[in-house]
C-alpha cells in the first residue's frame, strides 16, 4: 500500500547546525501519530518539511506518491497549525475565517459558524481578534485547520492554552476525524494527549 506521507533520508540544517539528519518516516492514512521531543528538537521543522514550507537539504518528502518541491510545492487538503498563525487583529474571528475560506471558496458561512461553535467560539461575537485570549486564538487556529474538512491535519501543540473542557472537546473531535479516515500528526507537551489519542 502506498504510504500517504513518506520521508526518505531527509536532512535539514540552519546556519551549519543540523536539525534533522537522515530521517526516514512513513505515515498511513486514517491514524493519529504523536511526535514528542523537547523544545528545539526539530518538531516544527519536521512539520514544515511535511507541509512544503521548507524543502530538505537532502532526501525527499513524498505525499501521495508526489515529491514535494518538484512539480508540487505544497500538499493539497492539509489543515495546518504550526507556530502561531497570524490574523487580522481588527477583525472578528468569523471575519478572519471568512477571509481564509474565500481563498479556496469551498465552504459557506454556515460551515464556518458550525466549526467555530464546535471548537467553542461564538461566530456572532463582535469581539475583535486583538482582544482574544490565548485560548481563544488557539481555538481560532484549530477552526481554520479543520473548517474545510481537510483530510490530513498537521497540528503543532493544538492544546496549548486550552482549558480542560476545551481539551476534551478537541480530543473528541480528533477521534471522530480518525473514525472518518482522516490522518492526524500532532505534537504535545502533555504526555496524556499523546497517550489517549495516538495510534
N, C-alpha and C. Protein backbone atom coordinates (compact mmCIF):
# COMPACT_ATOMS: atom_id res chain seq x y z
N UNK A 1 0.83 -1.20 0.00
CA UNK A 1 0.00 0.00 0.00
C UNK A 1 0.87 1.25 0.00
N UNK A 2 0.48 2.22 -0.82
CA UNK A 2 1.23 3.47 -0.93
C UNK A 2 1.13 4.26 0.38
N UNK A 3 2.29 4.65 0.91
CA UNK A 3 2.27 5.48 2.12
C UNK A 3 1.66 6.84 1.77
N UNK A 4 0.92 7.40 2.71
CA UNK A 4 0.32 8.72 2.50
C UNK A 4 1.42 9.79 2.52
N UNK A 5 2.28 9.73 3.55
CA UNK A 5 3.42 10.64 3.65
C UNK A 5 4.68 9.81 3.88
N UNK A 6 5.73 10.11 3.15
CA UNK A 6 6.97 9.34 3.27
C UNK A 6 8.16 10.30 3.28
N UNK A 7 9.01 10.18 4.29
CA UNK A 7 10.27 10.92 4.30
C UNK A 7 11.39 9.92 4.07
N UNK A 8 12.23 10.20 3.07
CA UNK A 8 13.35 9.31 2.75
C UNK A 8 14.67 10.05 2.97
N UNK A 9 15.42 9.61 3.98
CA UNK A 9 16.77 10.14 4.23
C UNK A 9 16.79 11.67 4.26
N UNK A 10 15.85 12.26 4.98
CA UNK A 10 15.70 13.72 4.98
C UNK A 10 16.64 14.36 6.00
N UNK A 11 17.40 15.36 5.55
CA UNK A 11 18.27 16.14 6.43
C UNK A 11 17.97 17.62 6.24
N UNK A 12 18.09 18.39 7.34
CA UNK A 12 17.88 19.83 7.27
C UNK A 12 18.77 20.53 8.27
N UNK A 13 19.50 21.54 7.81
CA UNK A 13 20.38 22.33 8.68
C UNK A 13 20.06 23.81 8.53
N UNK A 14 20.35 24.57 9.58
CA UNK A 14 20.25 26.03 9.52
C UNK A 14 21.55 26.60 10.07
N UNK A 15 22.18 27.47 9.28
CA UNK A 15 23.42 28.12 9.70
C UNK A 15 24.42 27.12 10.26
N UNK A 16 24.56 25.99 9.55
CA UNK A 16 25.56 25.00 9.94
C UNK A 16 25.14 24.08 11.06
N UNK A 17 23.97 24.32 11.66
CA UNK A 17 23.51 23.45 12.74
C UNK A 17 22.51 22.44 12.18
N UNK A 18 22.82 21.16 12.35
CA UNK A 18 21.94 20.11 11.84
C UNK A 18 20.73 19.95 12.75
N UNK A 19 19.54 20.10 12.18
CA UNK A 19 18.31 19.95 12.96
C UNK A 19 17.77 18.52 12.80
N UNK A 20 17.74 18.05 11.57
CA UNK A 20 17.29 16.68 11.29
C UNK A 20 18.33 16.01 10.39
N UNK A 21 18.60 14.74 10.66
CA UNK A 21 19.64 14.05 9.88
C UNK A 21 19.15 12.66 9.48
N UNK A 22 19.10 12.44 8.17
CA UNK A 22 18.75 11.13 7.60
C UNK A 22 17.47 10.53 8.21
N UNK A 23 16.42 11.34 8.24
CA UNK A 23 15.16 10.89 8.83
C UNK A 23 14.36 10.08 7.82
N UNK A 24 13.95 8.89 8.23
CA UNK A 24 13.03 8.07 7.46
C UNK A 24 11.75 7.93 8.27
N UNK A 25 10.62 8.17 7.61
CA UNK A 25 9.35 8.21 8.35
C UNK A 25 8.22 7.93 7.37
N UNK A 26 7.26 7.15 7.82
CA UNK A 26 6.17 6.78 6.93
C UNK A 26 4.84 6.90 7.66
N UNK A 27 3.84 7.45 6.99
CA UNK A 27 2.52 7.69 7.58
C UNK A 27 1.46 6.98 6.75
N UNK A 28 0.63 6.20 7.44
CA UNK A 28 -0.53 5.60 6.77
C UNK A 28 -1.74 6.48 6.99
N UNK A 29 -2.68 6.41 6.07
CA UNK A 29 -3.93 7.17 6.23
C UNK A 29 -4.76 6.64 7.40
N UNK A 30 -5.54 7.55 8.01
CA UNK A 30 -6.52 7.13 8.99
C UNK A 30 -5.98 6.82 10.37
N UNK A 31 -4.80 7.34 10.67
CA UNK A 31 -4.23 7.12 12.01
C UNK A 31 -3.81 8.45 12.62
N UNK A 32 -3.67 8.44 13.95
CA UNK A 32 -3.15 9.61 14.66
C UNK A 32 -1.72 9.30 15.11
N UNK A 33 -0.79 10.15 14.70
CA UNK A 33 0.62 10.00 15.05
C UNK A 33 1.03 11.11 16.01
N UNK A 34 1.74 10.76 17.07
CA UNK A 34 2.24 11.75 18.01
C UNK A 34 3.74 11.91 17.87
N UNK A 35 4.19 13.14 17.82
CA UNK A 35 5.62 13.44 17.72
C UNK A 35 6.02 14.10 19.04
N UNK A 36 6.93 13.48 19.77
CA UNK A 36 7.34 14.07 21.05
C UNK A 36 8.83 14.38 21.04
N UNK A 37 9.20 15.36 21.83
CA UNK A 37 10.60 15.77 21.94
C UNK A 37 10.67 17.11 22.62
N UNK A 38 11.80 17.43 23.26
CA UNK A 38 11.92 18.71 23.97
C UNK A 38 11.90 19.89 23.00
N UNK A 39 11.71 21.09 23.55
CA UNK A 39 11.78 22.31 22.73
C UNK A 39 13.12 22.35 22.00
N UNK A 40 13.08 22.75 20.74
CA UNK A 40 14.32 22.87 19.97
C UNK A 40 14.79 21.56 19.36
N UNK A 41 13.98 20.50 19.50
CA UNK A 41 14.43 19.21 18.95
C UNK A 41 14.07 19.04 17.47
N UNK A 42 13.36 20.02 16.90
CA UNK A 42 13.12 19.97 15.45
C UNK A 42 11.71 19.55 15.05
N UNK A 43 10.77 19.52 16.01
CA UNK A 43 9.41 19.08 15.69
C UNK A 43 8.73 20.00 14.67
N UNK A 44 8.86 21.32 14.89
CA UNK A 44 8.22 22.27 13.96
C UNK A 44 8.88 22.22 12.59
N UNK A 45 10.20 22.07 12.56
CA UNK A 45 10.92 21.96 11.28
C UNK A 45 10.45 20.70 10.54
N UNK A 46 10.31 19.62 11.27
CA UNK A 46 9.80 18.35 10.72
C UNK A 46 8.44 18.56 10.06
N UNK A 47 7.54 19.26 10.78
CA UNK A 47 6.20 19.53 10.24
C UNK A 47 6.27 20.45 9.02
N UNK A 48 7.15 21.45 9.07
CA UNK A 48 7.26 22.38 7.94
C UNK A 48 7.75 21.67 6.68
N UNK A 49 8.60 20.67 6.86
CA UNK A 49 9.07 19.88 5.71
C UNK A 49 7.92 19.06 5.10
N UNK A 50 7.09 18.49 5.98
CA UNK A 50 5.96 17.68 5.51
C UNK A 50 4.94 18.55 4.76
N UNK A 51 4.84 19.81 5.17
CA UNK A 51 3.86 20.73 4.56
C UNK A 51 4.41 21.49 3.35
N UNK A 52 5.71 21.31 3.06
CA UNK A 52 6.30 22.00 1.92
C UNK A 52 6.71 23.44 2.22
N UNK A 53 6.61 23.87 3.50
CA UNK A 53 7.04 25.24 3.85
C UNK A 53 8.56 25.34 3.80
N UNK A 54 9.22 24.22 4.08
CA UNK A 54 10.68 24.12 3.93
C UNK A 54 10.96 22.95 3.01
N UNK A 55 12.05 23.03 2.28
CA UNK A 55 12.49 21.89 1.47
C UNK A 55 13.74 21.30 2.12
N UNK A 56 13.89 19.97 2.07
CA UNK A 56 15.06 19.35 2.71
C UNK A 56 16.35 19.70 1.99
N UNK A 57 17.46 19.73 2.74
CA UNK A 57 18.78 19.89 2.12
C UNK A 57 19.14 18.62 1.36
N UNK A 58 18.74 17.48 1.95
CA UNK A 58 18.96 16.19 1.29
C UNK A 58 17.74 15.32 1.53
N UNK A 59 17.55 14.34 0.66
CA UNK A 59 16.43 13.43 0.82
C UNK A 59 15.16 13.98 0.18
N UNK A 60 14.06 13.25 0.38
CA UNK A 60 12.81 13.66 -0.27
C UNK A 60 11.63 13.48 0.66
N UNK A 61 10.64 14.36 0.48
CA UNK A 61 9.36 14.26 1.16
C UNK A 61 8.32 13.95 0.09
N UNK A 62 7.63 12.82 0.26
CA UNK A 62 6.68 12.35 -0.76
C UNK A 62 5.29 12.29 -0.13
N UNK A 63 4.33 12.96 -0.76
CA UNK A 63 2.95 12.92 -0.29
C UNK A 63 2.09 12.33 -1.40
N UNK A 64 1.43 11.22 -1.09
CA UNK A 64 0.60 10.51 -2.07
C UNK A 64 1.33 10.27 -3.39
N UNK A 65 2.59 9.85 -3.27
CA UNK A 65 3.36 9.47 -4.45
C UNK A 65 4.03 10.62 -5.18
N UNK A 66 3.81 11.87 -4.74
CA UNK A 66 4.42 13.02 -5.40
C UNK A 66 5.48 13.64 -4.50
N UNK A 67 6.66 13.91 -5.08
CA UNK A 67 7.75 14.52 -4.32
C UNK A 67 7.48 16.03 -4.19
N UNK A 68 7.48 16.52 -2.95
CA UNK A 68 7.28 17.96 -2.75
C UNK A 68 8.50 18.72 -3.25
N UNK A 69 8.24 19.86 -3.91
CA UNK A 69 9.34 20.71 -4.37
C UNK A 69 9.69 20.49 -5.82
N UNK A 70 9.13 19.46 -6.45
CA UNK A 70 9.37 19.29 -7.89
C UNK A 70 8.20 19.96 -8.62
N UNK A 71 7.20 19.20 -9.05
CA UNK A 71 6.03 19.82 -9.67
C UNK A 71 5.08 20.35 -8.62
N UNK A 72 5.15 19.75 -7.44
CA UNK A 72 4.18 20.09 -6.40
C UNK A 72 4.93 20.68 -5.22
N UNK A 73 4.59 21.92 -4.84
CA UNK A 73 5.29 22.52 -3.71
C UNK A 73 4.59 22.18 -2.40
N UNK A 74 3.26 22.35 -2.39
CA UNK A 74 2.50 22.13 -1.16
C UNK A 74 1.51 20.99 -1.34
N UNK A 75 1.39 20.11 -0.35
CA UNK A 75 0.38 19.06 -0.45
C UNK A 75 -1.03 19.65 -0.39
N UNK A 76 -1.98 19.03 -1.06
CA UNK A 76 -3.33 19.57 -1.02
C UNK A 76 -4.13 18.92 0.10
N UNK A 77 -5.15 19.63 0.54
CA UNK A 77 -6.09 19.11 1.54
C UNK A 77 -5.44 18.87 2.91
N UNK A 78 -4.47 19.72 3.27
CA UNK A 78 -3.85 19.68 4.59
C UNK A 78 -4.41 20.82 5.44
N UNK A 79 -4.76 20.52 6.69
CA UNK A 79 -5.09 21.54 7.67
C UNK A 79 -3.91 21.66 8.62
N UNK A 80 -3.45 22.88 8.85
CA UNK A 80 -2.13 23.05 9.50
C UNK A 80 -2.17 24.08 10.63
N UNK A 81 -1.58 23.71 11.76
CA UNK A 81 -1.24 24.70 12.80
C UNK A 81 0.24 24.51 13.08
N UNK A 82 1.05 25.49 12.69
CA UNK A 82 2.48 25.49 13.04
C UNK A 82 2.82 26.90 13.51
N UNK A 83 3.54 27.00 14.61
CA UNK A 83 3.82 28.30 15.22
C UNK A 83 2.48 28.98 15.54
N UNK A 84 2.48 30.28 15.67
CA UNK A 84 1.22 30.95 15.98
C UNK A 84 0.71 31.57 14.69
N UNK A 85 -0.46 31.13 14.21
CA UNK A 85 -0.97 31.70 12.96
C UNK A 85 -1.21 33.20 13.10
N UNK A 86 -1.03 33.94 12.02
CA UNK A 86 -1.27 35.37 12.03
C UNK A 86 -2.71 35.68 11.63
N UNK A 87 -3.31 36.63 12.32
CA UNK A 87 -4.69 37.03 11.99
C UNK A 87 -4.77 38.54 11.83
N UNK A 88 -5.88 38.99 11.25
CA UNK A 88 -6.11 40.42 11.11
C UNK A 88 -6.72 40.90 12.43
N UNK A 89 -5.93 41.65 13.19
CA UNK A 89 -6.27 41.97 14.58
C UNK A 89 -7.59 42.73 14.71
N UNK A 90 -7.87 43.59 13.73
CA UNK A 90 -9.05 44.45 13.82
C UNK A 90 -10.33 43.82 13.31
N UNK A 91 -10.29 42.54 12.97
CA UNK A 91 -11.49 41.84 12.51
C UNK A 91 -11.92 40.78 13.54
N UNK A 92 -13.16 40.37 13.45
CA UNK A 92 -13.67 39.33 14.36
C UNK A 92 -13.12 37.97 13.93
N UNK A 93 -13.32 36.97 14.81
CA UNK A 93 -12.92 35.61 14.46
C UNK A 93 -13.60 35.14 13.19
N UNK A 94 -14.91 35.38 13.10
CA UNK A 94 -15.64 34.95 11.91
C UNK A 94 -15.10 35.64 10.65
N UNK A 95 -14.85 36.94 10.74
CA UNK A 95 -14.34 37.68 9.56
C UNK A 95 -12.98 37.14 9.12
N UNK A 96 -12.13 36.77 10.09
CA UNK A 96 -10.83 36.19 9.75
C UNK A 96 -10.99 34.86 9.02
N UNK A 97 -11.84 33.99 9.54
CA UNK A 97 -12.04 32.68 8.91
C UNK A 97 -12.70 32.82 7.55
N UNK A 98 -13.61 33.78 7.43
CA UNK A 98 -14.27 34.03 6.15
C UNK A 98 -13.24 34.43 5.09
N UNK A 99 -12.31 35.31 5.47
CA UNK A 99 -11.26 35.75 4.53
C UNK A 99 -10.42 34.56 4.06
N UNK A 100 -10.11 33.65 5.00
CA UNK A 100 -9.34 32.46 4.64
C UNK A 100 -10.16 31.52 3.76
N UNK A 101 -11.44 31.37 4.07
CA UNK A 101 -12.30 30.46 3.31
C UNK A 101 -12.46 30.93 1.86
N UNK A 102 -12.42 32.24 1.64
CA UNK A 102 -12.60 32.77 0.28
C UNK A 102 -11.44 32.40 -0.65
N UNK A 103 -10.29 32.04 -0.08
CA UNK A 103 -9.13 31.68 -0.91
C UNK A 103 -9.48 30.50 -1.80
N UNK A 104 -10.10 29.48 -1.21
CA UNK A 104 -10.44 28.28 -1.99
C UNK A 104 -11.92 28.22 -2.33
N UNK A 105 -12.70 29.01 -1.61
CA UNK A 105 -14.13 29.15 -1.91
C UNK A 105 -14.86 27.81 -1.95
N UNK A 106 -14.58 26.98 -0.94
CA UNK A 106 -15.20 25.65 -0.90
C UNK A 106 -16.30 25.53 0.14
N UNK A 107 -16.35 26.47 1.08
CA UNK A 107 -17.33 26.35 2.17
C UNK A 107 -18.13 27.64 2.31
N UNK A 108 -19.32 27.53 2.87
CA UNK A 108 -20.17 28.70 3.06
C UNK A 108 -20.10 29.19 4.51
N UNK A 109 -20.79 30.31 4.76
CA UNK A 109 -20.78 30.92 6.09
C UNK A 109 -21.28 29.95 7.16
N UNK A 110 -22.27 29.15 6.82
CA UNK A 110 -22.83 28.21 7.80
C UNK A 110 -21.78 27.22 8.29
N UNK A 111 -20.97 26.76 7.37
CA UNK A 111 -19.92 25.79 7.72
C UNK A 111 -18.88 26.44 8.64
N UNK A 112 -18.53 27.69 8.36
CA UNK A 112 -17.58 28.42 9.21
C UNK A 112 -18.17 28.56 10.62
N UNK A 113 -19.43 28.98 10.69
CA UNK A 113 -20.08 29.18 12.00
C UNK A 113 -20.19 27.86 12.77
N UNK A 114 -20.53 26.81 12.06
CA UNK A 114 -20.66 25.48 12.68
C UNK A 114 -19.31 25.04 13.27
N UNK A 115 -18.23 25.28 12.53
CA UNK A 115 -16.89 24.91 13.00
C UNK A 115 -16.50 25.74 14.22
N UNK A 116 -16.80 27.03 14.18
CA UNK A 116 -16.47 27.90 15.33
C UNK A 116 -17.19 27.40 16.58
N UNK A 117 -18.46 27.07 16.46
CA UNK A 117 -19.21 26.57 17.61
C UNK A 117 -18.62 25.26 18.12
N UNK A 118 -18.19 24.43 17.18
CA UNK A 118 -17.63 23.13 17.54
C UNK A 118 -16.39 23.28 18.43
N UNK A 119 -15.56 24.29 18.16
CA UNK A 119 -14.34 24.49 18.96
C UNK A 119 -14.59 25.39 20.18
N UNK A 120 -15.84 25.90 20.31
CA UNK A 120 -16.16 26.70 21.48
C UNK A 120 -16.05 28.20 21.30
N UNK A 121 -16.19 28.68 20.05
CA UNK A 121 -16.20 30.13 19.79
C UNK A 121 -17.58 30.54 19.31
N UNK A 122 -17.98 31.76 19.66
CA UNK A 122 -19.27 32.28 19.21
C UNK A 122 -19.08 33.05 17.90
N UNK A 123 -19.61 32.53 16.79
CA UNK A 123 -19.40 33.20 15.49
C UNK A 123 -20.09 34.57 15.40
N UNK A 124 -21.06 34.81 16.25
CA UNK A 124 -21.80 36.08 16.20
C UNK A 124 -21.13 37.16 17.05
N UNK A 125 -20.10 36.79 17.80
CA UNK A 125 -19.47 37.75 18.72
C UNK A 125 -18.82 38.90 17.96
N UNK A 126 -19.06 40.15 18.42
CA UNK A 126 -18.43 41.31 17.77
C UNK A 126 -16.98 41.52 18.21
N UNK A 127 -16.50 40.68 19.13
CA UNK A 127 -15.15 40.84 19.69
C UNK A 127 -14.08 40.69 18.60
N UNK A 128 -13.16 41.65 18.57
CA UNK A 128 -12.06 41.60 17.59
C UNK A 128 -10.99 40.64 18.09
N UNK A 129 -10.26 40.05 17.13
CA UNK A 129 -9.24 39.06 17.48
C UNK A 129 -8.14 39.65 18.36
N UNK A 130 -7.89 40.97 18.22
CA UNK A 130 -6.83 41.60 19.06
C UNK A 130 -7.20 41.54 20.55
N UNK A 131 -8.48 41.35 20.85
CA UNK A 131 -8.91 41.24 22.25
C UNK A 131 -9.13 39.79 22.69
N UNK A 132 -8.77 38.84 21.82
CA UNK A 132 -8.92 37.42 22.16
C UNK A 132 -7.89 37.01 23.20
N UNK A 133 -8.28 36.09 24.08
CA UNK A 133 -7.31 35.45 24.98
C UNK A 133 -6.47 34.47 24.17
N UNK A 134 -5.39 33.98 24.77
CA UNK A 134 -4.56 32.96 24.10
C UNK A 134 -5.38 31.73 23.74
N UNK A 135 -6.23 31.30 24.67
CA UNK A 135 -7.06 30.12 24.42
C UNK A 135 -8.01 30.32 23.25
N UNK A 136 -8.59 31.52 23.14
CA UNK A 136 -9.50 31.82 22.03
C UNK A 136 -8.74 31.83 20.70
N UNK A 137 -7.54 32.39 20.72
CA UNK A 137 -6.72 32.39 19.49
C UNK A 137 -6.39 30.95 19.07
N UNK A 138 -6.14 30.10 20.07
CA UNK A 138 -5.84 28.70 19.77
C UNK A 138 -7.06 28.01 19.14
N UNK A 139 -8.25 28.30 19.67
CA UNK A 139 -9.47 27.72 19.10
C UNK A 139 -9.67 28.20 17.66
N UNK A 140 -9.34 29.47 17.42
CA UNK A 140 -9.46 30.01 16.05
C UNK A 140 -8.49 29.30 15.11
N UNK A 141 -7.28 29.03 15.61
CA UNK A 141 -6.29 28.30 14.81
C UNK A 141 -6.80 26.90 14.47
N UNK A 142 -7.40 26.24 15.45
CA UNK A 142 -7.94 24.89 15.21
C UNK A 142 -9.08 24.96 14.19
N UNK A 143 -9.95 25.97 14.35
CA UNK A 143 -11.07 26.13 13.41
C UNK A 143 -10.59 26.28 11.97
N UNK A 144 -9.54 27.10 11.76
CA UNK A 144 -9.06 27.27 10.37
C UNK A 144 -8.45 25.99 9.83
N UNK A 145 -7.88 25.18 10.71
CA UNK A 145 -7.24 23.93 10.26
C UNK A 145 -8.25 22.85 9.89
N UNK A 146 -9.49 22.95 10.40
CA UNK A 146 -10.45 21.86 10.17
C UNK A 146 -11.70 22.28 9.39
N UNK A 147 -11.89 23.59 9.17
CA UNK A 147 -13.20 24.04 8.66
C UNK A 147 -13.50 23.58 7.24
N UNK A 148 -12.46 23.29 6.45
CA UNK A 148 -12.70 22.84 5.07
C UNK A 148 -12.64 21.31 4.96
N UNK A 149 -12.85 20.64 6.09
CA UNK A 149 -12.81 19.17 6.12
C UNK A 149 -11.50 18.61 5.55
N UNK A 150 -10.40 19.29 5.88
CA UNK A 150 -9.09 18.84 5.41
C UNK A 150 -8.86 17.40 5.88
N UNK A 151 -8.32 16.57 4.99
CA UNK A 151 -8.19 15.14 5.27
C UNK A 151 -6.91 14.78 6.02
N UNK A 152 -5.95 15.70 6.03
CA UNK A 152 -4.72 15.48 6.79
C UNK A 152 -4.50 16.70 7.68
N UNK A 153 -4.34 16.46 8.98
CA UNK A 153 -4.15 17.56 9.92
C UNK A 153 -2.75 17.50 10.52
N UNK A 154 -2.03 18.61 10.42
CA UNK A 154 -0.69 18.74 10.96
C UNK A 154 -0.78 19.76 12.09
N UNK A 155 -0.78 19.29 13.33
CA UNK A 155 -1.12 20.15 14.47
C UNK A 155 0.03 20.21 15.46
N UNK A 156 0.70 21.35 15.48
CA UNK A 156 1.83 21.57 16.39
C UNK A 156 1.28 22.18 17.68
N UNK A 157 1.28 21.42 18.76
CA UNK A 157 0.76 21.87 20.06
C UNK A 157 -0.69 22.39 19.97
N UNK A 158 -1.62 21.58 19.48
CA UNK A 158 -3.00 22.07 19.31
C UNK A 158 -3.71 22.38 20.62
N UNK A 159 -3.22 21.82 21.75
CA UNK A 159 -3.92 22.01 23.03
C UNK A 159 -3.36 23.15 23.86
N UNK A 160 -2.37 23.86 23.30
CA UNK A 160 -1.76 24.99 24.00
C UNK A 160 -2.82 25.98 24.48
N UNK A 161 -2.74 26.38 25.73
CA UNK A 161 -3.58 27.46 26.29
C UNK A 161 -5.07 27.12 26.37
N UNK A 162 -5.44 25.86 26.14
CA UNK A 162 -6.85 25.47 26.25
C UNK A 162 -7.18 25.00 27.66
N UNK A 163 -8.37 25.32 28.14
CA UNK A 163 -8.81 24.81 29.44
C UNK A 163 -9.22 23.34 29.31
N UNK A 164 -9.44 22.70 30.44
CA UNK A 164 -9.69 21.25 30.46
C UNK A 164 -10.90 20.85 29.61
N UNK A 165 -11.98 21.63 29.67
CA UNK A 165 -13.18 21.30 28.88
C UNK A 165 -12.89 21.38 27.39
N UNK A 166 -12.15 22.43 26.99
CA UNK A 166 -11.83 22.61 25.57
C UNK A 166 -10.91 21.49 25.08
N UNK A 167 -9.96 21.08 25.93
CA UNK A 167 -9.06 19.98 25.56
C UNK A 167 -9.89 18.73 25.26
N UNK A 168 -10.87 18.45 26.12
CA UNK A 168 -11.70 17.25 25.93
C UNK A 168 -12.52 17.36 24.65
N UNK A 169 -13.06 18.54 24.38
CA UNK A 169 -13.84 18.77 23.15
C UNK A 169 -12.99 18.51 21.92
N UNK A 170 -11.77 19.07 21.90
CA UNK A 170 -10.90 18.92 20.73
C UNK A 170 -10.42 17.47 20.60
N UNK A 171 -10.10 16.84 21.72
CA UNK A 171 -9.71 15.41 21.65
C UNK A 171 -10.82 14.58 21.02
N UNK A 172 -12.06 14.82 21.45
CA UNK A 172 -13.19 14.06 20.89
C UNK A 172 -13.36 14.32 19.40
N UNK A 173 -13.14 15.57 18.99
CA UNK A 173 -13.22 15.89 17.56
C UNK A 173 -12.16 15.13 16.77
N UNK A 174 -10.94 15.09 17.32
CA UNK A 174 -9.85 14.40 16.62
C UNK A 174 -10.13 12.91 16.51
N UNK A 175 -10.70 12.32 17.57
CA UNK A 175 -11.07 10.89 17.50
C UNK A 175 -12.11 10.66 16.41
N UNK A 176 -13.07 11.57 16.32
CA UNK A 176 -14.12 11.46 15.30
C UNK A 176 -13.51 11.56 13.90
N UNK A 177 -12.57 12.48 13.74
CA UNK A 177 -11.91 12.63 12.44
C UNK A 177 -11.18 11.35 12.05
N UNK A 178 -10.53 10.72 13.02
CA UNK A 178 -9.83 9.46 12.73
C UNK A 178 -10.84 8.40 12.27
N UNK A 179 -11.98 8.33 12.95
CA UNK A 179 -13.01 7.36 12.55
C UNK A 179 -13.49 7.62 11.12
N UNK A 180 -13.45 8.89 10.70
CA UNK A 180 -13.85 9.26 9.34
C UNK A 180 -12.75 8.94 8.32
N UNK A 181 -11.58 8.50 8.83
CA UNK A 181 -10.49 8.14 7.92
C UNK A 181 -9.47 9.23 7.70
N UNK A 182 -9.56 10.30 8.48
CA UNK A 182 -8.56 11.37 8.32
C UNK A 182 -7.26 10.98 9.02
N UNK A 183 -6.19 11.64 8.61
CA UNK A 183 -4.85 11.38 9.15
C UNK A 183 -4.41 12.59 9.96
N UNK A 184 -3.87 12.33 11.16
CA UNK A 184 -3.50 13.43 12.04
C UNK A 184 -2.09 13.21 12.58
N UNK A 185 -1.26 14.26 12.46
CA UNK A 185 0.05 14.29 13.12
C UNK A 185 0.02 15.42 14.12
N UNK A 186 0.41 15.12 15.37
CA UNK A 186 0.37 16.19 16.37
C UNK A 186 1.56 16.10 17.31
N UNK A 187 1.90 17.26 17.87
CA UNK A 187 2.87 17.32 18.96
C UNK A 187 2.12 17.80 20.19
N UNK A 188 2.62 17.43 21.35
CA UNK A 188 2.06 17.97 22.59
C UNK A 188 3.10 17.89 23.70
N UNK A 189 3.12 18.91 24.56
CA UNK A 189 3.97 18.87 25.75
C UNK A 189 3.38 17.94 26.80
N UNK A 190 2.09 17.63 26.64
CA UNK A 190 1.39 16.84 27.63
C UNK A 190 1.34 15.38 27.19
N UNK A 191 2.05 14.52 27.93
CA UNK A 191 2.13 13.11 27.57
C UNK A 191 0.74 12.47 27.49
N UNK A 192 -0.20 12.97 28.30
CA UNK A 192 -1.54 12.38 28.31
C UNK A 192 -2.23 12.54 26.95
N UNK A 193 -2.04 13.70 26.29
CA UNK A 193 -2.61 13.90 24.95
C UNK A 193 -2.13 12.81 24.01
N UNK A 194 -0.84 12.52 24.08
CA UNK A 194 -0.23 11.51 23.21
C UNK A 194 -0.80 10.14 23.56
N UNK A 195 -0.84 9.83 24.87
CA UNK A 195 -1.27 8.51 25.32
C UNK A 195 -2.72 8.20 24.93
N UNK A 196 -3.62 9.20 25.09
CA UNK A 196 -5.04 8.89 24.88
C UNK A 196 -5.45 9.00 23.41
N UNK A 197 -4.65 9.69 22.58
CA UNK A 197 -5.09 9.94 21.20
C UNK A 197 -4.39 9.10 20.15
N UNK A 198 -3.09 8.85 20.35
CA UNK A 198 -2.28 8.41 19.21
C UNK A 198 -2.28 6.89 19.02
N UNK A 199 -2.26 6.51 17.74
CA UNK A 199 -2.10 5.10 17.40
C UNK A 199 -0.65 4.65 17.54
